[in-house]
Amino acid sequence: MGAGLLAGVVLGEWLGDVHPERLRRLFRGRPAAEPMDPDHVERAVLRALRNTAATRRLTVSARVLEGGVVELWGTAPDERTRQAAGEAAAAVAGADVVVNRILVEGRDLPLGVPAPGSIS
């Protein structure tokens, strides 16, 4: 493995794509990102859900847990809308993991029955 790494460095130097500073940064690693304020992330997720056409009218709640985990719950009319809500939440900075507990009406619960714990 060491020979392969050395050959790659030599070849990269010869081609001009790799330089010592870039290698130092690569092997040092990236610093850990600052954790974001959970209230800020929660508001941003709810804003993203309101600003997404497919999820604008959903009855959905969001809660931010430790480590950037965002939990969504509520109801959606179909699987496509449920997935759109998860994608909108995942696009928010600070929402590292999205646990999508949104139930689909007619599949996960009878039509017209509110999801347990949902806020209207």
C-alpha atoms as a PDB file:
ATOM      1  CA  MET A   1       0.000   0.000   0.000  1.00  0.00           C
ATOM      2  CA  GLY A   2       2.862   2.355   0.840  1.00  0.00           C
ATOM      3  CA  ALA A   3       4.446   1.754  -2.562  1.00  0.00           C
ATOM      4  CA  GLY A   4       1.151   2.583  -4.264  1.00  0.00           C
ATOM      5  CA  LEU A   5       0.784   5.795  -2.254  1.00  0.00           C
ATOM      6  CA  LEU A   6       4.356   6.803  -3.053  1.00  0.00           C
ATOM      7  CA  ALA A   7       3.851   6.025  -6.755  1.00  0.00           C
ATOM      8  CA  GLY A   8       0.664   8.109  -6.730  1.00  0.00           C
ATOM      9  CA  VAL A   9       2.432  11.059  -5.090  1.00  0.00           C
ATOM     10  CA  VAL A  10       5.365  10.866  -7.518  1.00  0.00           C
ATOM     11  CA  LEU A  11       3.058  10.576 -10.514  1.00  0.00           C
ATOM     12  CA  GLY A  12       0.900  13.427  -9.202  1.00  0.00           C
ATOM     13  CA  GLU A  13       3.963  15.638  -8.692  1.00  0.00           C
ATOM     14  CA  TRP A  14       5.132  14.804 -12.185  1.00  0.00           C
ATOM     15  CA  LEU A  15       1.714  15.725 -13.601  1.00  0.00           C
ATOM     16  CA  GLY A  16       1.438  18.785 -11.376  1.00  0.00           C
ATOM     17  CA  ASP A  17      -1.877  17.888  -9.689  1.00  0.00           C
ATOM     18  CA  VAL A  18      -0.545  17.142  -6.199  1.00  0.00           C
ATOM     19  CA  HIS A  19       1.586  19.353  -4.023  1.00  0.00           C
ATOM     20  CA  PRO A  20       2.856  18.912  -0.439  1.00  0.00           C
ATOM     21  CA  GLU A  21       0.381  21.350   1.153  1.00  0.00           C
ATOM     22  CA  ARG A  22      -2.573  19.541  -0.387  1.00  0.00           C
ATOM     23  CA  LEU A  23      -1.252  16.233   0.979  1.00  0.00           C
ATOM     24  CA  ARG A  24      -0.800  17.712   4.461  1.00  0.00           C
ATOM     25  CA  ARG A  25      -4.395  18.942   4.442  1.00  0.00           C
ATOM     26  CA  LEU A  26      -5.630  15.576   3.207  1.00  0.00           C
ATOM     27  CA  PHE A  27      -3.888  13.587   5.941  1.00  0.00           C
ATOM     28  CA  ARG A  28      -4.657  16.059   8.728  1.00  0.00           C
ATOM     29  CA  GLY A  29      -8.373  15.622   8.193  1.00  0.00           C
ATOM     30  CA  ARG A  30     -11.121  18.155   8.451  1.00  0.00           C
ATOM     31  CA  PRO A  31     -12.045  19.821  11.707  1.00  0.00           C
ATOM     32  CA  ALA A  32     -15.388  18.803  13.202  1.00  0.00           C
ATOM     33  CA  ALA A  33     -18.214  21.157  12.326  1.00  0.00           C
ATOM     34  CA  GLU A  34     -19.708  23.253  15.118  1.00  0.00           C
ATOM     35  CA  PRO A  35     -23.037  21.811  16.250  1.00  0.00           C
ATOM     36  CA  MET A  36     -25.933  24.060  15.305  1.00  0.00           C
ATOM     37  CA  ASP A  37     -28.557  25.363  17.712  1.00  0.00           C
ATOM     38  CA  PRO A  38     -31.429  22.812  17.732  1.00  0.00           C
ATOM     39  CA  ASP A  39     -34.090  25.540  17.840  1.00  0.00           C
ATOM     40  CA  HIS A  40     -32.552  27.204  14.787  1.00  0.00           C
ATOM     41  CA  VAL A  41     -32.450  23.889  12.894  1.00  0.00           C
ATOM     42  CA  GLU A  42     -36.061  23.112  13.849  1.00  0.00           C
ATOM     43  CA  ARG A  43     -37.281  26.503  12.613  1.00  0.00           C
ATOM     44  CA  ALA A  44     -35.286  26.084   9.395  1.00  0.00           C
ATOM     45  CA  VAL A  45     -36.793  22.629   8.773  1.00  0.00           C
ATOM     46  CA  LEU A  46     -40.342  23.905   9.323  1.00  0.00           C
ATOM     47  CA  ARG A  47     -39.612  26.881   7.046  1.00  0.00           C
ATOM     48  CA  ALA A  48     -38.285  24.514   4.361  1.00  0.00           C
ATOM     49  CA  LEU A  49     -41.451  22.417   4.611  1.00  0.00           C
ATOM     50  CA  ARG A  50     -43.633  25.529   4.269  1.00  0.00           C
ATOM     51  CA  ASN A  51     -41.603  26.775   1.287  1.00  0.00           C
ATOM     52  CA  THR A  52     -41.728  23.488  -0.631  1.00  0.00           C
ATOM     53  CA  ALA A  53     -44.776  23.283  -2.884  1.00  0.00           C
ATOM     54  CA  ALA A  54     -45.389  19.570  -2.264  1.00  0.00           C
ATOM     55  CA  THR A  55     -45.244  19.889   1.535  1.00  0.00           C
ATOM     56  CA  ARG A  56     -46.750  23.324   2.085  1.00  0.00           C
ATOM     57  CA  ARG A  57     -50.153  22.015   3.279  1.00  0.00           C
ATOM     58  CA  LEU A  58     -48.955  19.068   5.371  1.00  0.00           C
ATOM     59  CA  THR A  59     -49.735  18.717   9.040  1.00  0.00           C
ATOM     60  CA  VAL A  60     -46.195  17.875  10.113  1.00  0.00           C
ATOM     61  CA  SER A  61     -44.103  18.560  13.186  1.00  0.00           C
ATOM     62  CA  ALA A  62     -40.337  18.495  13.536  1.00  0.00           C
ATOM     63  CA  ARG A  63     -38.118  17.932  16.528  1.00  0.00           C
ATOM     64  CA  VAL A  64     -34.328  18.139  16.644  1.00  0.00           C
ATOM     65  CA  LEU A  65     -32.568  15.547  18.763  1.00  0.00           C
ATOM     66  CA  GLU A  66     -28.883  15.304  19.672  1.00  0.00           C
ATOM     67  CA  GLY A  67     -26.269  15.128  16.949  1.00  0.00           C
ATOM     68  CA  GLY A  68     -28.240  16.833  14.202  1.00  0.00           C
ATOM     69  CA  VAL A  69     -30.984  14.185  14.130  1.00  0.00           C
ATOM     70  CA  VAL A  70     -34.303  15.635  12.950  1.00  0.00           C
ATOM     71  CA  GLU A  71     -37.490  13.701  13.581  1.00  0.00           C
ATOM     72  CA  LEU A  72     -40.540  14.400  11.419  1.00  0.00           C
ATOM     73  CA  TRP A  73     -44.013  13.171  12.252  1.00  0.00           C
ATOM     74  CA  GLY A  74     -47.527  13.811  11.043  1.00  0.00           C
ATOM     75  CA  THR A  75     -49.536  12.697   8.028  1.00  0.00           C
ATOM     76  CA  ALA A  76     -49.163  12.910   4.267  1.00  0.00           C
ATOM     77  CA  PRO A  77     -51.669  12.082   1.517  1.00  0.00           C
ATOM     78  CA  ASP A  78     -49.210   9.822  -0.350  1.00  0.00           C
ATOM     79  CA  GLU A  79     -45.713   8.333  -0.273  1.00  0.00           C
ATOM     80  CA  ARG A  80     -44.362  10.864  -2.758  1.00  0.00           C
ATOM     81  CA  THR A  81     -45.303  13.777  -0.477  1.00  0.00           C
ATOM     82  CA  ARG A  82     -43.858  11.942   2.538  1.00  0.00           C
ATOM     83  CA  GLN A  83     -40.556  11.541   0.695  1.00  0.00           C
ATOM     84  CA  ALA A  84     -40.587  15.195  -0.406  1.00  0.00           C
ATOM     85  CA  ALA A  85     -40.889  16.241   3.252  1.00  0.00           C
ATOM     86  CA  GLY A  86     -37.900  14.100   4.192  1.00  0.00           C
ATOM     87  CA  GLU A  87     -35.835  15.521   1.340  1.00  0.00           C
ATOM     88  CA  ALA A  88     -36.763  19.108   2.226  1.00  0.00           C
ATOM     89  CA  ALA A  89     -35.747  18.516   5.852  1.00  0.00           C
ATOM     90  CA  ALA A  90     -32.491  16.807   4.842  1.00  0.00           C
ATOM     91  CA  ALA A  91     -31.504  19.830   2.730  1.00  0.00           C
ATOM     92  CA  VAL A  92     -31.395  22.072   5.825  1.00  0.00           C
ATOM     93  CA  ALA A  93     -27.958  22.840   7.253  1.00  0.00           C
ATOM     94  CA  GLY A  94     -27.600  21.119  10.611  1.00  0.00           C
ATOM     95  CA  ALA A  95     -30.083  18.357   9.764  1.00  0.00           C
ATOM     96  CA  ASP A  96     -27.521  15.591   9.448  1.00  0.00           C
ATOM     97  CA  VAL A  97     -29.961  12.675   9.815  1.00  0.00           C
ATOM     98  CA  VAL A  98     -33.713  12.779   9.168  1.00  0.00           C
ATOM     99  CA  VAL A  99     -35.991  10.220  10.803  1.00  0.00           C
ATOM    100  CA  ASN A 100     -39.152  10.379   8.732  1.00  0.00           C
ATOM    101  CA  ARG A 101     -42.074   9.156  10.853  1.00  0.00           C
ATOM    102  CA  ILE A 102     -44.707  10.758   8.633  1.00  0.00           C
ATOM    103  CA  LEU A 103     -47.588   8.351   8.097  1.00  0.00           C
ATOM    104  CA  VAL A 104     -49.309   7.981   4.728  1.00  0.00           C
ATOM    105  CA  GLU A 105     -53.111   8.288   4.839  1.00  0.00           C
ATOM    106  CA  GLY A 106     -54.870   5.181   3.584  1.00  0.00           C
ATOM    107  CA  ARG A 107     -51.739   3.065   3.911  1.00  0.00           C
ATOM    108  CA  ASP A 108     -50.369   3.608   7.428  1.00  0.00           C
ATOM    109  CA  LEU A 109     -53.633   4.809   8.987  1.00  0.00           C
ATOM    110  CA  PRO A 110     -57.258   5.086   7.903  1.00  0.00           C
ATOM    111  CA  LEU A 111     -58.228   8.175   5.929  1.00  0.00           C
ATOM    112  CA  GLY A 112     -59.212  11.149   8.076  1.00  0.00           C
ATOM    113  CA  VAL A 113     -57.580   9.860  11.274  1.00  0.00           C
ATOM    114  CA  PRO A 114     -54.879  12.194  12.630  1.00  0.00           C
ATOM    115  CA  ALA A 115     -51.474  10.683  13.340  1.00  0.00           C
ATOM    116  CA  PRO A 116     -50.697  10.046  17.011  1.00  0.00           C
ATOM    117  CA  GLY A 117     -48.937  13.076  18.485  1.00  0.00           C
ATOM    118  CA  SER A 118     -49.516  15.300  15.449  1.00  0.00           C
ATOM    119  CA  ILE A 119     -50.133  18.984  15.941  1.00  0.00           C
ATOM    120  CA  SER A 120     -52.761  20.575  13.725  1.00  0.00           C
END
